[in-house]
Amino acid sequence: MTATDSLAAKIAAAILLKEGKIAVSDIRALPFVETDEKAMAVARELASQFEVDIEQIKDSSPFAQWTDVLTLKAARRQAINR
């Protein structure tokens, strides 16, 4: 992982911990994540660091694409919210 990939992973992890979920499309929207492959690499890194469920949802964009969403498992989310 490059320095920018590591930074992207840290920012994405902060969003995941704060919101309880993050979509790969949200990771892709970070300014220094240039490709879908890098966004997926960051998502895989998050999945290896945290206990997450991964599900596909339909994006709300006019083109209705499917995107992967990483969601913290319930026990982890409850521990963070205490």
PDB file of N, CA and C in Angstrom:
ATOM      1  N   MET A   1       0.833  -1.190   0.000  1.00  0.00           N
ATOM      2  CA  MET A   1       0.000   0.000   0.000  1.00  0.00           C
ATOM      3  C   MET A   1       0.874   1.249   0.000  1.00  0.00           C
ATOM      4  N   THR A   2       0.528   2.195  -0.834  1.00  0.00           N
ATOM      5  CA  THR A   2       1.274   3.448  -0.880  1.00  0.00           C
ATOM      6  C   THR A   2       0.819   4.350   0.267  1.00  0.00           C
ATOM      7  N   ALA A   3       1.496   5.463   0.427  1.00  0.00           N
ATOM      8  CA  ALA A   3       1.145   6.402   1.496  1.00  0.00           C
ATOM      9  C   ALA A   3      -0.264   6.955   1.309  1.00  0.00           C
ATOM     10  N   THR A   4      -0.642   7.256   0.060  1.00  0.00           N
ATOM     11  CA  THR A   4      -1.996   7.781  -0.166  1.00  0.00           C
ATOM     12  C   THR A   4      -3.049   6.703   0.056  1.00  0.00           C
ATOM     13  N   ASP A   5      -2.721   5.437  -0.287  1.00  0.00           N
ATOM     14  CA  ASP A   5      -3.654   4.344  -0.011  1.00  0.00           C
ATOM     15  C   ASP A   5      -3.833   4.169   1.492  1.00  0.00           C
ATOM     16  N   SER A   6      -2.736   4.292   2.233  1.00  0.00           N
ATOM     17  CA  SER A   6      -2.791   4.179   3.687  1.00  0.00           C
ATOM     18  C   SER A   6      -3.622   5.315   4.283  1.00  0.00           C
ATOM     19  N   LEU A   7      -3.445   6.516   3.752  1.00  0.00           N
ATOM     20  CA  LEU A   7      -4.230   7.657   4.214  1.00  0.00           C
ATOM     21  C   LEU A   7      -5.707   7.453   3.895  1.00  0.00           C
ATOM     22  N   ALA A   8      -5.988   6.949   2.701  1.00  0.00           N
ATOM     23  CA  ALA A   8      -7.376   6.666   2.319  1.00  0.00           C
ATOM     24  C   ALA A   8      -7.984   5.631   3.256  1.00  0.00           C
ATOM     25  N   ALA A   9      -7.211   4.610   3.615  1.00  0.00           N
ATOM     26  CA  ALA A   9      -7.704   3.572   4.528  1.00  0.00           C
ATOM     27  C   ALA A   9      -7.996   4.159   5.907  1.00  0.00           C
ATOM     28  N   LYS A  10      -7.160   5.074   6.369  1.00  0.00           N
ATOM     29  CA  LYS A  10      -7.381   5.693   7.681  1.00  0.00           C
ATOM     30  C   LYS A  10      -8.629   6.570   7.676  1.00  0.00           C
ATOM     31  N   ILE A  11      -8.814   7.339   6.619  1.00  0.00           N
ATOM     32  CA  ILE A  11     -10.005   8.195   6.527  1.00  0.00           C
ATOM     33  C   ILE A  11     -11.259   7.343   6.406  1.00  0.00           C
ATOM     34  N   ALA A  12     -11.198   6.308   5.576  1.00  0.00           N
ATOM     35  CA  ALA A  12     -12.347   5.413   5.413  1.00  0.00           C
ATOM     36  C   ALA A  12     -12.663   4.696   6.725  1.00  0.00           C
ATOM     37  N   ALA A  13     -11.635   4.308   7.474  1.00  0.00           N
ATOM     38  CA  ALA A  13     -11.851   3.657   8.771  1.00  0.00           C
ATOM     39  C   ALA A  13     -12.527   4.614   9.746  1.00  0.00           C
ATOM     40  N   ALA A  14     -12.116   5.877   9.727  1.00  0.00           N
ATOM     41  CA  ALA A  14     -12.742   6.869  10.605  1.00  0.00           C
ATOM     42  C   ALA A  14     -14.221   7.041  10.263  1.00  0.00           C
ATOM     43  N   ILE A  15     -14.536   7.071   8.970  1.00  0.00           N
ATOM     44  CA  ILE A  15     -15.939   7.185   8.547  1.00  0.00           C
ATOM     45  C   ILE A  15     -16.713   5.942   8.964  1.00  0.00           C
ATOM     46  N   LEU A  16     -16.121   4.765   8.757  1.00  0.00           N
ATOM     47  CA  LEU A  16     -16.769   3.509   9.142  1.00  0.00           C
ATOM     48  C   LEU A  16     -17.062   3.484  10.636  1.00  0.00           C
ATOM     49  N   LEU A  17     -16.104   3.884  11.452  1.00  0.00           N
ATOM     50  CA  LEU A  17     -16.307   3.883  12.901  1.00  0.00           C
ATOM     51  C   LEU A  17     -17.330   4.930  13.334  1.00  0.00           C
ATOM     52  N   LYS A  18     -17.349   6.075  12.690  1.00  0.00           N
ATOM     53  CA  LYS A  18     -18.288   7.143  13.053  1.00  0.00           C
ATOM     54  C   LYS A  18     -19.708   6.825  12.603  1.00  0.00           C
ATOM     55  N   GLU A  19     -19.856   6.403  11.346  1.00  0.00           N
ATOM     56  CA  GLU A  19     -21.188   6.198  10.766  1.00  0.00           C
ATOM     57  C   GLU A  19     -21.699   4.768  10.915  1.00  0.00           C
ATOM     58  N   GLY A  20     -20.793   3.819  11.135  1.00  0.00           N
ATOM     59  CA  GLY A  20     -21.198   2.423  11.235  1.00  0.00           C
ATOM     60  C   GLY A  20     -21.233   1.706   9.901  1.00  0.00           C
ATOM     61  N   LYS A  21     -21.070   2.450   8.811  1.00  0.00           N
ATOM     62  CA  LYS A  21     -21.032   1.843   7.479  1.00  0.00           C
ATOM     63  C   LYS A  21     -20.358   2.796   6.509  1.00  0.00           C
ATOM     64  N   ILE A  22     -19.862   2.216   5.412  1.00  0.00           N
ATOM     65  CA  ILE A  22     -19.278   3.012   4.336  1.00  0.00           C
ATOM     66  C   ILE A  22     -19.422   2.229   3.038  1.00  0.00           C
ATOM     67  N   ALA A  23     -19.780   2.928   1.990  1.00  0.00           N
ATOM     68  CA  ALA A  23     -19.917   2.307   0.673  1.00  0.00           C
ATOM     69  C   ALA A  23     -18.601   2.436  -0.085  1.00  0.00           C
ATOM     70  N   VAL A  24     -18.352   1.475  -0.950  1.00  0.00           N
ATOM     71  CA  VAL A  24     -17.156   1.547  -1.786  1.00  0.00           C
ATOM     72  C   VAL A  24     -17.214   2.805  -2.658  1.00  0.00           C
ATOM     73  N   SER A  25     -18.405   3.210  -3.056  1.00  0.00           N
ATOM     74  CA  SER A  25     -18.531   4.445  -3.847  1.00  0.00           C
ATOM     75  C   SER A  25     -18.131   5.672  -3.019  1.00  0.00           C
ATOM     76  N   ASP A  26     -18.349   5.632  -1.703  1.00  0.00           N
ATOM     77  CA  ASP A  26     -17.893   6.723  -0.832  1.00  0.00           C
ATOM     78  C   ASP A  26     -16.369   6.743  -0.749  1.00  0.00           C
ATOM     79  N   ILE A  27     -15.772   5.559  -0.672  1.00  0.00           N
ATOM     80  CA  ILE A  27     -14.306   5.477  -0.655  1.00  0.00           C
ATOM     81  C   ILE A  27     -13.761   6.018  -1.975  1.00  0.00           C
ATOM     82  N   ARG A  28     -14.406   5.640  -3.067  1.00  0.00           N
ATOM     83  CA  ARG A  28     -13.979   6.086  -4.405  1.00  0.00           C
ATOM     84  C   ARG A  28     -14.084   7.602  -4.533  1.00  0.00           C
ATOM     85  N   ALA A  29     -14.977   8.230  -3.783  1.00  0.00           N
ATOM     86  CA  ALA A  29     -15.174   9.677  -3.853  1.00  0.00           C
ATOM     87  C   ALA A  29     -14.085  10.466  -3.124  1.00  0.00           C
ATOM     88  N   LEU A  30     -13.258   9.793  -2.324  1.00  0.00           N
ATOM     89  CA  LEU A  30     -12.155  10.497  -1.677  1.00  0.00           C
ATOM     90  C   LEU A  30     -11.232  11.049  -2.763  1.00  0.00           C
ATOM     91  N   PRO A  31     -10.716  12.269  -2.596  1.00  0.00           N
ATOM     92  CA  PRO A  31      -9.991  12.937  -3.678  1.00  0.00           C
ATOM     93  C   PRO A  31      -8.749  12.210  -4.177  1.00  0.00           C
ATOM     94  N   PHE A  32      -8.092  11.420  -3.347  1.00  0.00           N
ATOM     95  CA  PHE A  32      -6.844  10.785  -3.774  1.00  0.00           C
ATOM     96  C   PHE A  32      -7.005   9.307  -4.096  1.00  0.00           C
ATOM     97  N   VAL A  33      -8.236   8.824  -4.213  1.00  0.00           N
ATOM     98  CA  VAL A  33      -8.492   7.451  -4.665  1.00  0.00           C
ATOM     99  C   VAL A  33      -8.898   7.558  -6.131  1.00  0.00           C
ATOM    100  N   GLU A  34      -7.941   7.258  -7.019  1.00  0.00           N
ATOM    101  CA  GLU A  34      -8.141   7.532  -8.445  1.00  0.00           C
ATOM    102  C   GLU A  34      -8.922   6.463  -9.192  1.00  0.00           C
ATOM    103  N   THR A  35      -8.883   5.213  -8.727  1.00  0.00           N
ATOM    104  CA  THR A  35      -9.498   4.133  -9.497  1.00  0.00           C
ATOM    105  C   THR A  35     -10.414   3.281  -8.625  1.00  0.00           C
ATOM    106  N   ASP A  36     -11.288   2.546  -9.287  1.00  0.00           N
ATOM    107  CA  ASP A  36     -12.160   1.612  -8.574  1.00  0.00           C
ATOM    108  C   ASP A  36     -11.341   0.509  -7.906  1.00  0.00           C
ATOM    109  N   GLU A  37     -10.241   0.116  -8.531  1.00  0.00           N
ATOM    110  CA  GLU A  37      -9.383  -0.925  -7.961  1.00  0.00           C
ATOM    111  C   GLU A  37      -8.783  -0.471  -6.633  1.00  0.00           C
ATOM    112  N   LYS A  38      -8.374   0.801  -6.559  1.00  0.00           N
ATOM    113  CA  LYS A  38      -7.830   1.317  -5.300  1.00  0.00           C
ATOM    114  C   LYS A  38      -8.920   1.396  -4.236  1.00  0.00           C
ATOM    115  N   ALA A  39     -10.123   1.766  -4.630  1.00  0.00           N
ATOM    116  CA  ALA A  39     -11.236   1.812  -3.680  1.00  0.00           C
ATOM    117  C   ALA A  39     -11.526   0.415  -3.138  1.00  0.00           C
ATOM    118  N   MET A  40     -11.489  -0.588  -4.007  1.00  0.00           N
ATOM    119  CA  MET A  40     -11.715  -1.966  -3.562  1.00  0.00           C
ATOM    120  C   MET A  40     -10.577  -2.444  -2.660  1.00  0.00           C
ATOM    121  N   ALA A  41      -9.344  -2.015  -2.936  1.00  0.00           N
ATOM    122  CA  ALA A  41      -8.210  -2.377  -2.085  1.00  0.00           C
ATOM    123  C   ALA A  41      -8.388  -1.792  -0.688  1.00  0.00           C
ATOM    124  N   VAL A  42      -8.862  -0.557  -0.609  1.00  0.00           N
ATOM    125  CA  VAL A  42      -9.129   0.069   0.687  1.00  0.00           C
ATOM    126  C   VAL A  42     -10.258  -0.678   1.396  1.00  0.00           C
ATOM    127  N   ALA A  43     -11.295  -1.055   0.668  1.00  0.00           N
ATOM    128  CA  ALA A  43     -12.412  -1.806   1.258  1.00  0.00           C
ATOM    129  C   ALA A  43     -11.931  -3.149   1.799  1.00  0.00           C
ATOM    130  N   ARG A  44     -11.061  -3.833   1.052  1.00  0.00           N
ATOM    131  CA  ARG A  44     -10.512  -5.111   1.530  1.00  0.00           C
ATOM    132  C   ARG A  44      -9.678  -4.899   2.789  1.00  0.00           C
ATOM    133  N   GLU A  45      -8.930  -3.802   2.834  1.00  0.00           N
ATOM    134  CA  GLU A  45      -8.133  -3.482   4.020  1.00  0.00           C
ATOM    135  C   GLU A  45      -9.042  -3.273   5.234  1.00  0.00           C
ATOM    136  N   LEU A  46     -10.138  -2.542   5.046  1.00  0.00           N
ATOM    137  CA  LEU A  46     -11.091  -2.329   6.141  1.00  0.00           C
ATOM    138  C   LEU A  46     -11.707  -3.650   6.592  1.00  0.00           C
ATOM    139  N   ALA A  47     -12.050  -4.503   5.632  1.00  0.00           N
ATOM    140  CA  ALA A  47     -12.655  -5.796   5.964  1.00  0.00           C
ATOM    141  C   ALA A  47     -11.691  -6.670   6.754  1.00  0.00           C
ATOM    142  N   SER A  48     -10.393  -6.507   6.522  1.00  0.00           N
ATOM    143  CA  SER A  48      -9.417  -7.297   7.278  1.00  0.00           C
ATOM    144  C   SER A  48      -9.165  -6.711   8.669  1.00  0.00           C
ATOM    145  N   GLN A  49      -9.406  -5.415   8.839  1.00  0.00           N
ATOM    146  CA  GLN A  49      -9.158  -4.754  10.123  1.00  0.00           C
ATOM    147  C   GLN A  49     -10.347  -4.820  11.071  1.00  0.00           C
ATOM    148  N   PHE A  50     -11.558  -4.813  10.536  1.00  0.00           N
ATOM    149  CA  PHE A  50     -12.768  -4.724  11.347  1.00  0.00           C
ATOM    150  C   PHE A  50     -13.704  -5.886  11.039  1.00  0.00           C
ATOM    151  N   GLU A  51     -14.569  -6.194  11.999  1.00  0.00           N
ATOM    152  CA  GLU A  51     -15.612  -7.189  11.767  1.00  0.00           C
ATOM    153  C   GLU A  51     -16.764  -6.484  11.065  1.00  0.00           C
ATOM    154  N   VAL A  52     -16.904  -6.750   9.778  1.00  0.00           N
ATOM    155  CA  VAL A  52     -17.925  -6.078   8.976  1.00  0.00           C
ATOM    156  C   VAL A  52     -18.761  -7.093   8.217  1.00  0.00           C
ATOM    157  N   ASP A  53     -19.969  -6.694   7.913  1.00  0.00           N
ATOM    158  CA  ASP A  53     -20.810  -7.405   6.962  1.00  0.00           C
ATOM    159  C   ASP A  53     -20.698  -6.640   5.654  1.00  0.00           C
ATOM    160  N   ILE A  54     -20.634  -7.365   4.550  1.00  0.00           N
ATOM    161  CA  ILE A  54     -20.554  -6.729   3.239  1.00  0.00           C
ATOM    162  C   ILE A  54     -21.814  -7.088   2.471  1.00  0.00           C
ATOM    163  N   GLU A  55     -22.527  -6.064   2.019  1.00  0.00           N
ATOM    164  CA  GLU A  55     -23.742  -6.303   1.252  1.00  0.00           C
ATOM    165  C   GLU A  55     -23.746  -5.395   0.030  1.00  0.00           C
ATOM    166  N   GLN A  56     -24.503  -5.787  -0.967  1.00  0.00           N
ATOM    167  CA  GLN A  56     -24.642  -4.964  -2.160  1.00  0.00           C
ATOM    168  C   GLN A  56     -25.978  -4.246  -2.107  1.00  0.00           C
ATOM    169  N   ILE A  57     -25.936  -2.952  -2.404  1.00  0.00           N
ATOM    170  CA  ILE A  57     -27.175  -2.180  -2.481  1.00  0.00           C
ATOM    171  C   ILE A  57     -27.180  -1.415  -3.798  1.00  0.00           C
ATOM    172  N   LYS A  58     -28.366  -1.049  -4.225  1.00  0.00           N
ATOM    173  CA  LYS A  58     -28.492  -0.272  -5.455  1.00  0.00           C
ATOM    174  C   LYS A  58     -28.227   1.189  -5.118  1.00  0.00           C
ATOM    175  N   ASP A  59     -27.328   1.784  -5.855  1.00  0.00           N
ATOM    176  CA  ASP A  59     -26.961   3.183  -5.678  1.00  0.00           C
ATOM    177  C   ASP A  59     -28.149   4.068  -6.038  1.00  0.00           C
ATOM    178  N   SER A  60     -28.255   5.217  -5.402  1.00  0.00           N
ATOM    179  CA  SER A  60     -29.384   6.112  -5.675  1.00  0.00           C
ATOM    180  C   SER A  60     -29.117   7.056  -6.849  1.00  0.00           C
ATOM    181  N   SER A  61     -28.031   6.828  -7.568  1.00  0.00           N
ATOM    182  CA  SER A  61     -27.729   7.689  -8.714  1.00  0.00           C
ATOM    183  C   SER A  61     -28.729   7.443  -9.838  1.00  0.00           C
ATOM    184  N   PRO A  62     -28.836   8.366 -10.778  1.00  0.00           N
ATOM    185  CA  PRO A  62     -29.785   8.189 -11.890  1.00  0.00           C
ATOM    186  C   PRO A  62     -29.500   6.941 -12.732  1.00  0.00           C
ATOM    187  N   PHE A  63     -28.263   6.448 -12.680  1.00  0.00           N
ATOM    188  CA  PHE A  63     -27.902   5.276 -13.470  1.00  0.00           C
ATOM    189  C   PHE A  63     -28.101   3.969 -12.710  1.00  0.00           C
ATOM    190  N   ALA A  64     -28.456   4.035 -11.454  1.00  0.00           N
ATOM    191  CA  ALA A  64     -28.786   2.882 -10.605  1.00  0.00           C
ATOM    192  C   ALA A  64     -27.766   1.751 -10.710  1.00  0.00           C
ATOM    193  N   GLN A  65     -26.573   2.010 -10.232  1.00  0.00           N
ATOM    194  CA  GLN A  65     -25.536   0.988 -10.188  1.00  0.00           C
ATOM    195  C   GLN A  65     -25.551   0.315  -8.822  1.00  0.00           C
ATOM    196  N   TRP A  66     -25.014  -0.894  -8.760  1.00  0.00           N
ATOM    197  CA  TRP A  66     -24.892  -1.605  -7.495  1.00  0.00           C
ATOM    198  C   TRP A  66     -23.558  -1.253  -6.860  1.00  0.00           C
ATOM    199  N   THR A  67     -23.536  -1.139  -5.535  1.00  0.00           N
ATOM    200  CA  THR A  67     -22.297  -0.846  -4.829  1.00  0.00           C
ATOM    201  C   THR A  67     -22.220  -1.714  -3.579  1.00  0.00           C
ATOM    202  N   ASP A  68     -21.005  -2.025  -3.170  1.00  0.00           N
ATOM    203  CA  ASP A  68     -20.788  -2.781  -1.941  1.00  0.00           C
ATOM    204  C   ASP A  68     -20.785  -1.813  -0.764  1.00  0.00           C
ATOM    205  N   VAL A  69     -21.410  -2.239   0.335  1.00  0.00           N
ATOM    206  CA  VAL A  69     -21.439  -1.439   1.556  1.00  0.00           C
ATOM    207  C   VAL A  69     -20.870  -2.281   2.688  1.00  0.00           C
ATOM    208  N   LEU A  70     -19.905  -1.725   3.398  1.00  0.00           N
ATOM    209  CA  LEU A  70     -19.340  -2.381   4.569  1.00  0.00           C
ATOM    210  C   LEU A  70     -20.044  -1.823   5.790  1.00  0.00           C
ATOM    211  N   THR A  71     -20.607  -2.705   6.611  1.00  0.00           N
ATOM    212  CA  THR A  71     -21.329  -2.303   7.812  1.00  0.00           C
ATOM    213  C   THR A  71     -20.695  -2.992   9.010  1.00  0.00           C
ATOM    214  N   LEU A  72     -20.406  -2.225  10.055  1.00  0.00           N
ATOM    215  CA  LEU A  72     -19.870  -2.828  11.272  1.00  0.00           C
ATOM    216  C   LEU A  72     -20.882  -3.806  11.844  1.00  0.00           C
ATOM    217  N   LYS A  73     -20.403  -4.927  12.335  1.00  0.00           N
ATOM    218  CA  LYS A  73     -21.307  -5.888  12.967  1.00  0.00           C
ATOM    219  C   LYS A  73     -21.871  -5.270  14.236  1.00  0.00           C
ATOM    220  N   ALA A  74     -23.042  -5.701  14.653  1.00  0.00           N
ATOM    221  CA  ALA A  74     -23.807  -5.074  15.737  1.00  0.00           C
ATOM    222  C   ALA A  74     -23.020  -4.962  17.037  1.00  0.00           C
ATOM    223  N   ALA A  75     -22.312  -5.989  17.451  1.00  0.00           N
ATOM    224  CA  ALA A  75     -21.592  -5.952  18.726  1.00  0.00           C
ATOM    225  C   ALA A  75     -20.535  -4.856  18.720  1.00  0.00           C
ATOM    226  N   ARG A  76     -19.832  -4.715  17.627  1.00  0.00           N
ATOM    227  CA  ARG A  76     -18.798  -3.686  17.525  1.00  0.00           C
ATOM    228  C   ARG A  76     -19.419  -2.296  17.536  1.00  0.00           C
ATOM    229  N   ARG A  77     -20.530  -2.129  16.833  1.00  0.00           N
ATOM    230  CA  ARG A  77     -21.205  -0.835  16.761  1.00  0.00           C
ATOM    231  C   ARG A  77     -21.704  -0.416  18.144  1.00  0.00           C
ATOM    232  N   GLN A  78     -22.228  -1.366  18.933  1.00  0.00           N
ATOM    233  CA  GLN A  78     -22.725  -1.045  20.273  1.00  0.00           C
ATOM    234  C   GLN A  78     -21.581  -0.626  21.187  1.00  0.00           C
ATOM    235  N   ALA A  79     -20.432  -1.279  21.070  1.00  0.00           N
ATOM    236  CA  ALA A  79     -19.284  -0.932  21.904  1.00  0.00           C
ATOM    237  C   ALA A  79     -18.787   0.477  21.600  1.00  0.00           C
ATOM    238  N   ILE A  80     -18.840   0.876  20.351  1.00  0.00           N
ATOM    239  CA  ILE A  80     -18.388   2.215  19.962  1.00  0.00           C
ATOM    240  C   ILE A  80     -19.347   3.280  20.472  1.00  0.00           C
ATOM    241  N   ASN A  81     -20.642   3.003  20.458  1.00  0.00           N
ATOM    242  CA  ASN A  81     -21.648   3.995  20.836  1.00  0.00           C
ATOM    243  C   ASN A  81     -21.776   4.192  22.340  1.00  0.00           C
ATOM    244  N   ARG A  82     -21.091   3.411  23.133  1.00  0.00           N
ATOM    245  CA  ARG A  82     -21.186   3.567  24.596  1.00  0.00           C
ATOM    246  C   ARG A  82     -20.485   4.790  25.082  1.00  0.00           C
TER     247      ARG A  82
END
